Amino acid sequence: MILPVIMAGGTGSRLWPLSRDLMPKQFLKLDGQHTMLQATVNRLAGVEALTPLVICNEEHRFIAAEQLRQLGQLDHNIILEPAGRNTAPAIALAALTALKKETDPLLLVLAADHIIADSQAFTAAVRLASDFANNNNLVTFGIVPTAPETGYGYIKRGNSKGAGYEVASFVEKPNLAVAQQYLASGEYYWNSGMFMFKASVYLNALQQHRPDIYAACELAMNEVNPDLDFIRVNKDAFLACPDDSIDYAVMEKTTSAIVVPLDAGWNDVGAWSSLWEISAKDSSGNVHQGDVLSTDSGNNYVLAETSLVATVGLENTVVVQTKDAVLVAAKDKVQDVKAIVQQLKAAGRNEHKIHREVYRPWGKYDSIDNGQRYQVKRITVKPGEKLSIQMHHHRAEHWIVVSGTANVTVDGKDTLLTENQSIYIPLGAIHALENPGKIPLELIEVQSGSYLGEDDIVRFSDRYGRV
């Protein structure tokens, strides 16, 4: 049986301002109604497979869980990394987890932030790869190149093995002249970062070539703490694990590597220009997402998240508008967006880290306004959900219900509030907010005090394990 392993870690900055540290691209809706993580799960519909294992960072756990829940694919199947240690350790955690659940399944290792246009071609390649993997080979998927791309590593194929090839070598990102030679030869593929092998075969290879990584991951899995739908490994043991990719740790060293060609409209969406390339365009070559008007403009990518964006006489440009930031960039310079992110970090700002609208396991909040000693938020609580029992040292709060029903607890006293009713939470009061109704609860929260940071929360009890 095939067990998909979806790697959903990483905090990429090249799609800023839409992608942030706490909402990276794998959790965004970039080319349709589903997020990239959800699209990766849906892509498995043609593959006879078990419920996928998802590996993500601790700080993204509730986002990943909610997106899997929406697809009916949430079943104690999210492995949390205490910190990023690259792909070799992450896959080792998945393999060790898999062997506890199943009898040596085939692991289909996928990235959550890739676009694959042709699902049928993807399914066919998986079936071909499974034949090699069942024969104890370590399979990688090589993307049939369409251009002399300098941003990808390459795989050189060796002797033919029917539907696949022996791997002759893995090659680092080339310069343009070398990439052109690779493309002309027909012997090279882009390195996709997708793999297939038996759990035991991968672990045996890792133990042979990187016993230090294997030992650290095995130790980390010896003390697993179940937490809701999450699998928590031993933090100290995993932090001691070396950082290395599966390519360096295993694939470049093994003699059992096979590459299966994949020609399925693959794109790793490494920049805004990539989205322009793969998106449907109007007669002027423009891609418009959201409320966009244009005149005398061509070959642009324009995304409007919350307001009207208009272009006049604009060519070969990327414009991305979010609630708290606007990016305007030449389309051939979008790889340099990460320099802006570095400037934001150096200035101590938050626009690289978090959106104005923030998702929580109980719902979300939107920071509508703020100033000296005050902050206004619009809070949405899902039906049946409850915020932690908490208090604040530095701020008081005033809640006004916009719609729905709120059950508010203040210092042990419960009050039921409905539309247009309000309540005051004094500084230092122990309080909680719950939605006992059947529809979302919408309320406005006005905070006032000397310090309004999210770290001024003392939790006494929390159903989401955040105490």
Protein backbone atom coordinates (compact mmCIF):
# COMPACT_ATOMS: atom_id res chain seq x y z
CA MET A 1 0.00 0.00 0.00
CA ILE A 2 1.13 3.55 -0.76
CA LEU A 3 1.41 5.99 2.13
CA PRO A 4 1.77 9.59 0.91
CA VAL A 5 4.13 11.76 2.95
CA ILE A 6 3.53 15.46 2.34
CA MET A 7 6.26 17.83 3.45
CA ALA A 8 4.58 21.10 4.43
CA GLY A 9 7.39 22.83 6.29
CA GLY A 10 9.24 25.93 5.22
CA THR A 11 8.57 29.66 5.44
CA GLY A 12 9.42 30.86 1.94
CA SER A 13 9.72 34.60 1.33
CA ARG A 14 9.66 34.79 -2.47
CA LEU A 15 5.86 35.17 -2.62
CA TRP A 16 5.72 38.05 -0.15
CA PRO A 17 3.46 39.87 0.71
CA LEU A 18 0.95 37.02 0.31
CA SER A 19 3.31 34.47 1.84
CA ARG A 20 4.43 35.18 5.43
CA ASP A 21 6.40 33.25 8.02
CA LEU A 22 3.17 32.20 9.75
CA MET A 23 1.24 31.67 6.48
CA PRO A 24 3.70 30.33 3.87
CA LYS A 25 2.74 29.49 0.30
CA GLN A 26 1.78 25.84 0.92
CA PHE A 27 -1.24 27.09 2.88
CA LEU A 28 -2.32 29.68 0.29
CA LYS A 29 -4.88 29.49 -2.51
CA LEU A 30 -2.77 30.44 -5.51
CA ASP A 31 -4.35 28.82 -8.55
CA GLY A 32 -7.85 27.74 -7.57
CA GLN A 33 -10.34 27.09 -4.79
CA HIS A 34 -7.96 24.95 -2.74
CA THR A 35 -4.70 25.73 -1.00
CA MET A 36 -1.51 24.17 -2.30
CA LEU A 37 -1.54 21.63 0.53
CA GLN A 38 -5.14 20.71 -0.27
CA ALA A 39 -4.36 20.47 -4.00
CA THR A 40 -1.50 18.07 -3.18
CA VAL A 41 -3.90 15.86 -1.20
CA ASN A 42 -6.56 16.01 -3.94
CA ARG A 43 -3.95 15.01 -6.52
CA LEU A 44 -3.81 11.61 -4.83
CA ALA A 45 -7.39 10.79 -5.85
CA GLY A 46 -6.13 8.66 -8.73
CA VAL A 47 -3.67 6.78 -6.53
CA GLU A 48 -4.77 3.90 -4.32
CA ALA A 49 -3.30 5.30 -1.13
CA LEU A 50 -3.72 5.56 2.61
CA THR A 51 -4.56 8.81 4.43
CA PRO A 52 -1.44 10.97 4.00
CA LEU A 53 1.07 11.82 6.68
CA VAL A 54 1.78 15.55 6.75
CA ILE A 55 4.99 16.98 8.21
CA CYS A 56 4.91 20.63 9.24
CA ASN A 57 6.39 23.14 11.65
CA GLU A 58 4.99 23.50 15.15
CA GLU A 59 3.76 27.05 14.47
CA HIS A 60 1.73 25.95 11.42
CA ARG A 61 -0.01 23.00 13.08
CA PHE A 62 -3.51 24.46 13.39
CA ILE A 63 -3.52 25.78 9.82
CA ALA A 64 -2.51 22.37 8.47
CA ALA A 65 -5.08 20.59 10.66
CA GLU A 66 -7.93 22.86 9.53
CA GLN A 67 -7.06 22.45 5.86
CA LEU A 68 -6.94 18.65 6.19
CA ARG A 69 -10.21 18.69 8.17
CA GLN A 70 -11.93 20.52 5.33
CA LEU A 71 -11.00 17.61 3.03
CA GLY A 72 -11.95 14.89 5.53
CA GLN A 73 -8.27 13.86 5.71
CA LEU A 74 -7.49 14.68 9.35
CA ASP A 75 -6.81 11.54 11.38
CA HIS A 76 -3.95 11.93 13.90
CA ASN A 77 -1.66 12.25 10.88
CA ILE A 78 0.36 15.46 11.35
CA ILE A 79 3.98 15.08 12.44
CA LEU A 80 5.32 18.24 14.11
CA GLU A 81 8.95 19.22 13.67
CA PRO A 82 10.25 21.17 16.69
CA ALA A 83 12.62 22.88 14.23
CA GLY A 84 13.54 22.46 10.58
CA ARG A 85 16.28 19.90 9.99
CA ASN A 86 15.88 19.51 6.20
CA THR A 87 14.35 16.62 4.26
CA ALA A 88 16.44 13.61 5.31
CA PRO A 89 15.39 13.76 9.01
CA ALA A 90 11.80 14.75 8.16
CA ILE A 91 11.35 11.71 5.91
CA ALA A 92 12.99 9.52 8.56
CA LEU A 93 10.34 10.61 11.09
CA ALA A 94 7.65 9.72 8.56
CA ALA A 95 9.22 6.33 7.81
CA LEU A 96 9.49 5.45 11.50
CA THR A 97 5.88 6.54 12.05
CA ALA A 98 4.75 4.51 9.04
CA LEU A 99 6.35 1.31 10.31
CA LYS A 100 4.40 1.68 13.56
CA LYS A 101 1.11 2.02 11.65
CA GLU A 102 1.54 -0.23 8.62
CA THR A 103 3.58 -3.18 7.40
CA ASP A 104 6.38 -1.49 5.47
CA PRO A 105 4.33 0.71 3.09
CA LEU A 106 5.63 2.45 0.01
CA LEU A 107 6.25 6.07 0.93
CA LEU A 108 5.31 8.59 -1.75
CA VAL A 109 7.15 11.73 -0.65
CA LEU A 110 5.67 14.95 -2.02
CA ALA A 111 6.14 18.67 -1.42
CA ALA A 112 3.03 20.61 -0.42
CA ASP A 113 3.99 23.68 -2.46
CA HIS A 114 4.20 22.31 -6.01
CA ILE A 115 1.71 22.72 -8.83
CA ILE A 116 1.11 19.76 -11.17
CA ALA A 117 -1.27 20.54 -14.01
CA ASP A 118 -1.70 17.01 -15.41
CA SER A 119 -2.95 14.74 -12.63
CA GLN A 120 -3.29 11.75 -14.95
CA ALA A 121 0.37 11.94 -15.96
CA PHE A 122 1.30 12.24 -12.29
CA THR A 123 -0.75 9.14 -11.42
CA ALA A 124 0.83 7.18 -14.27
CA ALA A 125 4.33 8.11 -13.11
CA VAL A 126 3.50 7.03 -9.54
CA ARG A 127 2.38 3.63 -10.80
CA LEU A 128 5.59 3.17 -12.75
CA ALA A 129 7.64 4.26 -9.74
CA SER A 130 5.85 1.80 -7.45
CA ASP A 131 7.17 -1.13 -9.52
CA PHE A 132 10.74 0.03 -8.94
CA ALA A 133 10.10 0.84 -5.27
CA ASN A 134 8.60 -2.60 -4.64
CA ASN A 135 11.91 -4.02 -5.89
CA ASN A 136 13.77 -2.14 -3.14
CA ASN A 137 14.93 0.79 -5.25
CA LEU A 138 14.98 4.41 -4.11
CA VAL A 139 13.01 6.28 -6.76
CA THR A 140 13.16 9.98 -7.55
CA PHE A 141 10.92 11.76 -10.05
CA GLY A 142 12.77 13.74 -12.70
CA ILE A 143 10.87 16.57 -14.36
CA VAL A 144 11.20 16.59 -18.15
CA PRO A 145 12.75 20.06 -18.70
CA THR A 146 11.07 22.63 -20.93
CA ALA A 147 13.74 25.35 -20.70
CA PRO A 148 17.41 25.80 -19.69
CA GLU A 149 16.41 26.58 -16.10
CA THR A 150 19.23 27.78 -13.84
CA GLY A 151 17.16 27.75 -10.65
CA TYR A 152 16.86 23.97 -10.33
CA GLY A 153 19.24 21.13 -9.63
CA TYR A 154 19.40 18.42 -12.31
CA ILE A 155 19.50 14.62 -12.42
CA LYS A 156 21.54 12.91 -15.13
CA ARG A 157 20.09 9.62 -16.24
CA GLY A 158 22.17 6.49 -16.74
CA ASN A 159 21.31 3.06 -18.12
CA SER A 160 17.71 2.44 -19.13
CA LYS A 161 15.61 0.27 -16.84
CA GLY A 162 12.44 0.12 -18.90
CA ALA A 163 10.17 2.93 -17.73
CA GLY A 164 12.96 4.50 -15.70
CA TYR A 165 16.70 4.96 -15.62
CA GLU A 166 19.54 4.43 -13.23
CA VAL A 167 20.68 7.71 -11.72
CA ALA A 168 24.09 8.61 -13.11
CA SER A 169 24.51 11.71 -10.96
CA PHE A 170 22.85 14.61 -9.20
CA VAL A 171 23.99 17.99 -10.47
CA GLU A 172 23.91 21.38 -8.73
CA LYS A 173 22.16 24.40 -10.25
CA PRO A 174 24.05 25.20 -13.49
CA ASN A 175 24.76 28.48 -15.24
CA LEU A 176 22.83 29.27 -18.41
CA ALA A 177 25.35 27.83 -20.86
CA VAL A 178 25.56 24.53 -19.00
CA ALA A 179 21.76 24.40 -18.61
CA GLN A 180 21.42 24.81 -22.37
CA GLN A 181 23.78 21.86 -22.86
CA TYR A 182 21.73 19.77 -20.44
CA LEU A 183 18.51 20.58 -22.30
CA ALA A 184 20.01 19.80 -25.71
CA SER A 185 21.42 16.44 -24.59
CA GLY A 186 18.04 15.04 -23.49
CA GLU A 187 19.81 13.17 -20.69
CA TYR A 188 18.97 15.49 -17.80
CA TYR A 189 15.87 16.12 -15.70
CA TRP A 190 14.98 18.79 -13.20
CA ASN A 191 15.25 17.54 -9.64
CA SER A 192 11.65 17.65 -8.35
CA GLY A 193 12.28 16.73 -4.72
CA MET A 194 9.64 13.95 -4.95
CA PHE A 195 10.48 10.35 -4.08
CA MET A 196 9.11 6.85 -3.64
CA PHE A 197 10.51 3.91 -1.67
CA LYS A 198 9.68 1.40 1.03
CA ALA A 199 9.91 2.83 4.53
CA SER A 200 12.39 0.12 5.53
CA VAL A 201 14.56 0.60 2.44
CA TYR A 202 14.93 4.31 3.12
CA LEU A 203 15.74 3.77 6.79
CA ASN A 204 18.30 1.08 5.95
CA ALA A 205 19.98 3.40 3.45
CA LEU A 206 19.95 6.27 5.95
CA GLN A 207 21.43 4.04 8.65
CA GLN A 208 24.16 3.00 6.22
CA HIS A 209 25.10 6.42 4.90
CA ARG A 210 24.12 8.78 7.74
CA PRO A 211 23.89 6.76 10.95
CA ASP A 212 23.98 9.97 13.00
CA ILE A 213 20.74 11.21 11.44
CA TYR A 214 19.12 7.80 11.78
CA ALA A 215 20.06 7.52 15.46
CA ALA A 216 18.78 11.01 16.30
CA CYS A 217 15.44 10.40 14.56
CA GLU A 218 15.02 6.98 16.15
CA LEU A 219 15.63 8.54 19.57
CA ALA A 220 13.17 11.33 18.80
CA MET A 221 10.49 8.77 17.93
CA ASN A 222 11.05 6.77 21.11
CA GLU A 223 9.12 9.38 23.10
CA VAL A 224 6.13 10.41 20.99
CA ASN A 225 3.41 12.45 22.66
CA PRO A 226 -0.01 12.31 20.99
CA ASP A 227 -1.71 15.72 21.05
CA LEU A 228 -5.10 16.07 19.33
CA ASP A 229 -4.33 15.20 15.68
CA PHE A 230 -0.60 15.84 16.08
CA ILE A 231 2.38 13.55 16.55
CA ARG A 232 4.93 15.29 18.76
CA VAL A 233 8.45 13.86 18.77
CA ASN A 234 11.06 14.29 21.49
CA LYS A 235 12.20 17.89 21.05
CA ASP A 236 15.70 17.65 22.52
CA ALA A 237 16.55 14.53 20.54
CA PHE A 238 15.38 16.04 17.27
CA LEU A 239 17.15 19.35 17.85
CA ALA A 240 20.37 17.36 18.18
CA CYS A 241 19.80 15.85 14.71
CA PRO A 242 22.14 17.04 11.91
CA ASP A 243 20.62 19.14 9.12
CA ASP A 244 20.84 17.49 5.70
CA SER A 245 18.77 16.89 2.57
CA ILE A 246 17.77 13.47 1.33
CA ASP A 247 19.81 14.10 -1.82
CA TYR A 248 23.08 14.61 0.06
CA ALA A 249 22.38 12.12 2.85
CA VAL A 250 21.11 9.19 0.78
CA MET A 251 20.32 9.61 -2.91
CA GLU A 252 23.82 10.70 -4.03
CA LYS A 253 25.41 7.82 -2.11
CA THR A 254 23.15 4.87 -2.84
CA THR A 255 23.62 2.48 -5.77
CA SER A 256 19.87 1.78 -5.88
CA ALA A 257 18.64 5.15 -7.16
CA ILE A 258 16.20 5.17 -10.06
CA VAL A 259 14.80 8.22 -11.83
CA VAL A 260 11.31 8.06 -13.35
CA PRO A 261 10.58 10.86 -15.85
CA LEU A 262 7.58 13.08 -15.08
CA ASP A 263 6.05 15.33 -17.74
CA ALA A 264 2.96 16.71 -16.02
CA GLY A 265 3.09 20.51 -16.06
CA TRP A 266 5.14 20.71 -12.86
CA ASN A 267 6.00 24.06 -11.29
CA ASP A 268 7.45 24.78 -7.85
CA VAL A 269 6.03 28.34 -7.86
CA GLY A 270 9.33 29.83 -6.81
CA ALA A 271 8.38 33.42 -7.68
CA TRP A 272 5.46 35.60 -8.77
CA SER A 273 6.64 35.30 -12.37
CA SER A 274 6.06 31.53 -12.13
CA LEU A 275 2.39 32.14 -11.34
CA TRP A 276 2.11 34.47 -14.33
CA GLU A 277 3.63 31.79 -16.57
CA ILE A 278 1.18 29.04 -15.60
CA SER A 279 -2.00 31.14 -15.28
CA ALA A 280 -4.65 31.84 -17.91
CA LYS A 281 -4.08 35.24 -19.49
CA ASP A 282 -6.32 37.77 -21.22
CA SER A 283 -5.75 39.03 -24.76
CA SER A 284 -3.11 41.46 -23.49
CA GLY A 285 -1.17 38.81 -21.59
CA ASN A 286 -2.45 39.94 -18.19
CA VAL A 287 -3.29 37.72 -15.23
CA HIS A 288 -5.82 39.34 -12.89
CA GLN A 289 -6.85 37.94 -9.51
CA GLY A 290 -9.50 39.81 -7.52
CA ASP A 291 -10.95 43.25 -8.23
CA VAL A 292 -8.65 44.57 -10.99
CA LEU A 293 -9.16 47.09 -13.80
CA SER A 294 -6.56 47.87 -16.46
CA THR A 295 -6.13 49.98 -19.56
CA ASP A 296 -3.24 50.05 -22.01
CA SER A 297 -1.45 47.44 -19.87
CA GLY A 298 0.07 44.11 -20.83
CA ASN A 299 1.89 41.02 -19.57
CA ASN A 300 1.23 41.85 -15.91
CA TYR A 301 0.35 39.76 -12.88
CA VAL A 302 -2.03 41.70 -10.62
CA LEU A 303 -3.55 40.27 -7.42
CA ALA A 304 -6.01 42.35 -5.41
CA GLU A 305 -6.86 40.76 -2.08
CA THR A 306 -9.22 43.30 -0.52
CA SER A 307 -9.57 46.42 -2.67
CA LEU A 308 -9.71 47.66 -6.26
CA VAL A 309 -6.35 47.78 -8.05
CA ALA A 310 -6.15 49.68 -11.35
CA THR A 311 -3.24 49.76 -13.83
CA VAL A 312 -2.63 52.30 -16.58
CA GLY A 313 0.14 51.89 -19.15
CA LEU A 314 1.85 49.18 -17.11
CA GLU A 315 3.95 46.44 -18.73
CA ASN A 316 5.70 43.30 -17.43
CA THR A 317 4.98 44.10 -13.81
CA VAL A 318 3.79 42.24 -10.73
CA VAL A 319 1.37 44.01 -8.39
CA VAL A 320 0.19 42.23 -5.22
CA GLN A 321 -2.16 43.98 -2.78
CA THR A 322 -2.96 42.57 0.67
CA LYS A 323 -4.66 44.15 3.70
CA ASP A 324 -1.40 45.55 5.05
CA ALA A 325 1.11 45.68 2.19
CA VAL A 326 1.45 46.29 -1.56
CA LEU A 327 4.23 44.90 -3.77
CA VAL A 328 5.07 46.48 -7.13
CA ALA A 329 7.93 44.74 -8.93
CA ALA A 330 9.36 44.31 -12.41
CA LYS A 331 8.44 40.81 -13.48
CA ASP A 332 12.06 39.90 -14.25
CA LYS A 333 13.18 41.08 -10.79
CA VAL A 334 10.72 39.23 -8.54
CA GLN A 335 13.42 36.86 -7.27
CA ASP A 336 14.74 39.88 -5.35
CA VAL A 337 11.56 40.21 -3.26
CA LYS A 338 13.42 38.37 -0.50
CA ALA A 339 15.61 41.48 -0.13
CA ILE A 340 12.51 43.42 0.96
CA VAL A 341 11.74 40.71 3.50
CA GLN A 342 15.25 41.07 4.89
CA GLN A 343 14.70 44.83 5.21
CA LEU A 344 11.46 44.23 7.13
CA LYS A 345 13.23 41.88 9.52
CA ALA A 346 16.12 44.28 10.04
CA ALA A 347 13.67 47.09 10.82
CA GLY A 348 11.89 44.98 13.44
CA ARG A 349 8.58 45.09 11.55
CA ASN A 350 5.94 42.35 11.45
CA GLU A 351 4.80 42.39 7.80
CA HIS A 352 7.17 39.53 6.91
CA LYS A 353 5.92 37.34 9.72
CA ILE A 354 2.19 37.65 10.06
CA HIS A 355 -0.87 38.85 8.13
CA ARG A 356 -3.32 41.39 9.49
CA GLU A 357 -5.82 38.52 9.49
CA VAL A 358 -4.60 35.67 11.70
CA TYR A 359 -6.04 32.16 11.89
CA ARG A 360 -6.41 30.30 15.16
CA PRO A 361 -7.79 26.80 15.91
CA TRP A 362 -11.01 28.41 17.19
CA GLY A 363 -11.43 30.80 14.24
CA LYS A 364 -9.61 34.00 13.29
CA TYR A 365 -9.07 37.67 14.09
CA ASP A 366 -8.43 40.72 11.92
CA SER A 367 -6.52 43.69 13.35
CA ILE A 368 -8.71 46.50 12.04
CA ASP A 369 -7.02 49.48 13.69
CA ASN A 370 -4.37 50.32 16.26
CA GLY A 371 -2.70 53.30 17.86
CA GLN A 372 -1.03 54.39 21.06
CA ARG A 373 -2.60 52.37 23.93
CA TYR A 374 -5.44 50.87 21.85
CA GLN A 375 -6.11 48.14 19.28
CA VAL A 376 -9.31 47.08 17.51
CA LYS A 377 -9.91 43.53 16.23
CA ARG A 378 -12.74 41.75 14.46
CA ILE A 379 -12.95 38.27 15.98
CA THR A 380 -14.67 35.25 14.40
CA VAL A 381 -15.30 32.17 16.56
CA LYS A 382 -16.45 28.96 14.88
CA PRO A 383 -19.59 27.21 16.21
CA GLY A 384 -18.86 25.12 19.29
CA GLU A 385 -15.35 26.51 19.74
CA LYS A 386 -13.89 28.22 22.80
CA LEU A 387 -10.87 30.44 23.42
CA SER A 388 -8.56 29.61 26.31
CA ILE A 389 -9.35 30.63 29.89
CA GLN A 390 -6.89 33.52 30.24
CA MET A 391 -5.99 36.88 31.71
CA HIS A 392 -3.88 39.91 30.77
CA HIS A 393 -1.48 41.93 32.90
CA HIS A 394 -1.43 45.08 30.79
CA ARG A 395 -4.73 45.50 28.96
CA ALA A 396 -8.48 45.62 29.41
CA GLU A 397 -10.94 44.57 26.70
CA HIS A 398 -14.40 45.58 25.53
CA TRP A 399 -16.35 43.07 23.39
CA ILE A 400 -19.33 43.98 21.17
CA VAL A 401 -21.27 41.16 19.49
CA VAL A 402 -21.96 41.83 15.80
CA SER A 403 -23.71 38.54 15.01
CA GLY A 404 -24.20 35.15 16.64
CA THR A 405 -24.19 34.26 20.33
CA ALA A 406 -21.34 34.57 22.84
CA ASN A 407 -20.98 32.89 26.20
CA VAL A 408 -18.54 35.06 28.15
CA THR A 409 -16.99 34.03 31.48
CA VAL A 410 -15.46 36.77 33.65
CA ASP A 411 -14.02 35.78 37.05
CA GLY A 412 -16.28 32.73 37.21
CA LYS A 413 -19.52 34.46 36.16
CA ASP A 414 -21.15 33.44 32.84
CA THR A 415 -23.00 35.96 30.65
CA LEU A 416 -24.85 35.16 27.42
CA LEU A 417 -24.61 37.92 24.81
CA THR A 418 -26.41 38.32 21.48
CA GLU A 419 -26.30 40.83 18.64
CA ASN A 420 -25.55 44.46 19.66
CA GLN A 421 -24.81 43.51 23.29
CA SER A 422 -21.43 44.15 24.88
CA ILE A 423 -19.29 43.39 27.93
CA TYR A 424 -16.20 44.85 29.60
CA ILE A 425 -13.23 42.67 30.66
CA PRO A 426 -11.19 44.52 33.34
CA LEU A 427 -7.42 44.31 33.45
CA GLY A 428 -6.38 41.17 35.37
CA ALA A 429 -9.78 39.46 35.11
CA ILE A 430 -9.77 35.73 34.32
CA HIS A 431 -12.03 35.33 31.31
CA ALA A 432 -13.06 33.10 28.41
CA LEU A 433 -15.10 33.39 25.22
CA GLU A 434 -17.18 30.58 23.71
CA ASN A 435 -19.55 30.24 20.77
CA PRO A 436 -22.39 27.94 21.93
CA GLY A 437 -24.43 28.57 18.76
CA LYS A 438 -24.78 27.01 15.33
CA ILE A 439 -23.45 29.95 13.30
CA PRO A 440 -20.12 31.81 13.47
CA LEU A 441 -19.79 34.37 16.25
CA GLU A 442 -18.62 37.79 15.04
CA LEU A 443 -17.55 40.42 17.55
CA ILE A 444 -15.50 43.58 17.78
CA GLU A 445 -12.80 43.66 20.44
CA VAL A 446 -11.36 46.97 21.64
CA GLN A 447 -8.15 46.56 23.67
CA SER A 448 -6.74 49.38 25.77
CA GLY A 449 -3.67 49.46 27.95
CA SER A 450 0.06 50.03 28.21
CA TYR A 451 1.04 46.87 26.28
CA LEU A 452 -1.07 45.09 23.65
CA GLY A 453 1.21 42.29 22.41
CA GLU A 454 -0.08 38.75 21.89
CA ASP A 455 2.44 37.51 24.44
CA ASP A 456 0.49 39.25 27.23
CA ILE A 457 -1.75 36.19 27.57
CA VAL A 458 -1.62 33.97 30.66
CA ARG A 459 -3.52 30.77 29.84
CA PHE A 460 -5.02 28.66 32.63
CA SER A 461 -6.81 26.10 30.47
CA ASP A 462 -6.93 25.48 26.73
CA ARG A 463 -8.55 22.72 24.67
CA TYR A 464 -5.90 23.14 21.95
CA GLY A 465 -2.90 22.29 24.12
CA ARG A 466 -1.44 25.82 24.28
CA VAL A 467 -1.08 26.12 28.06
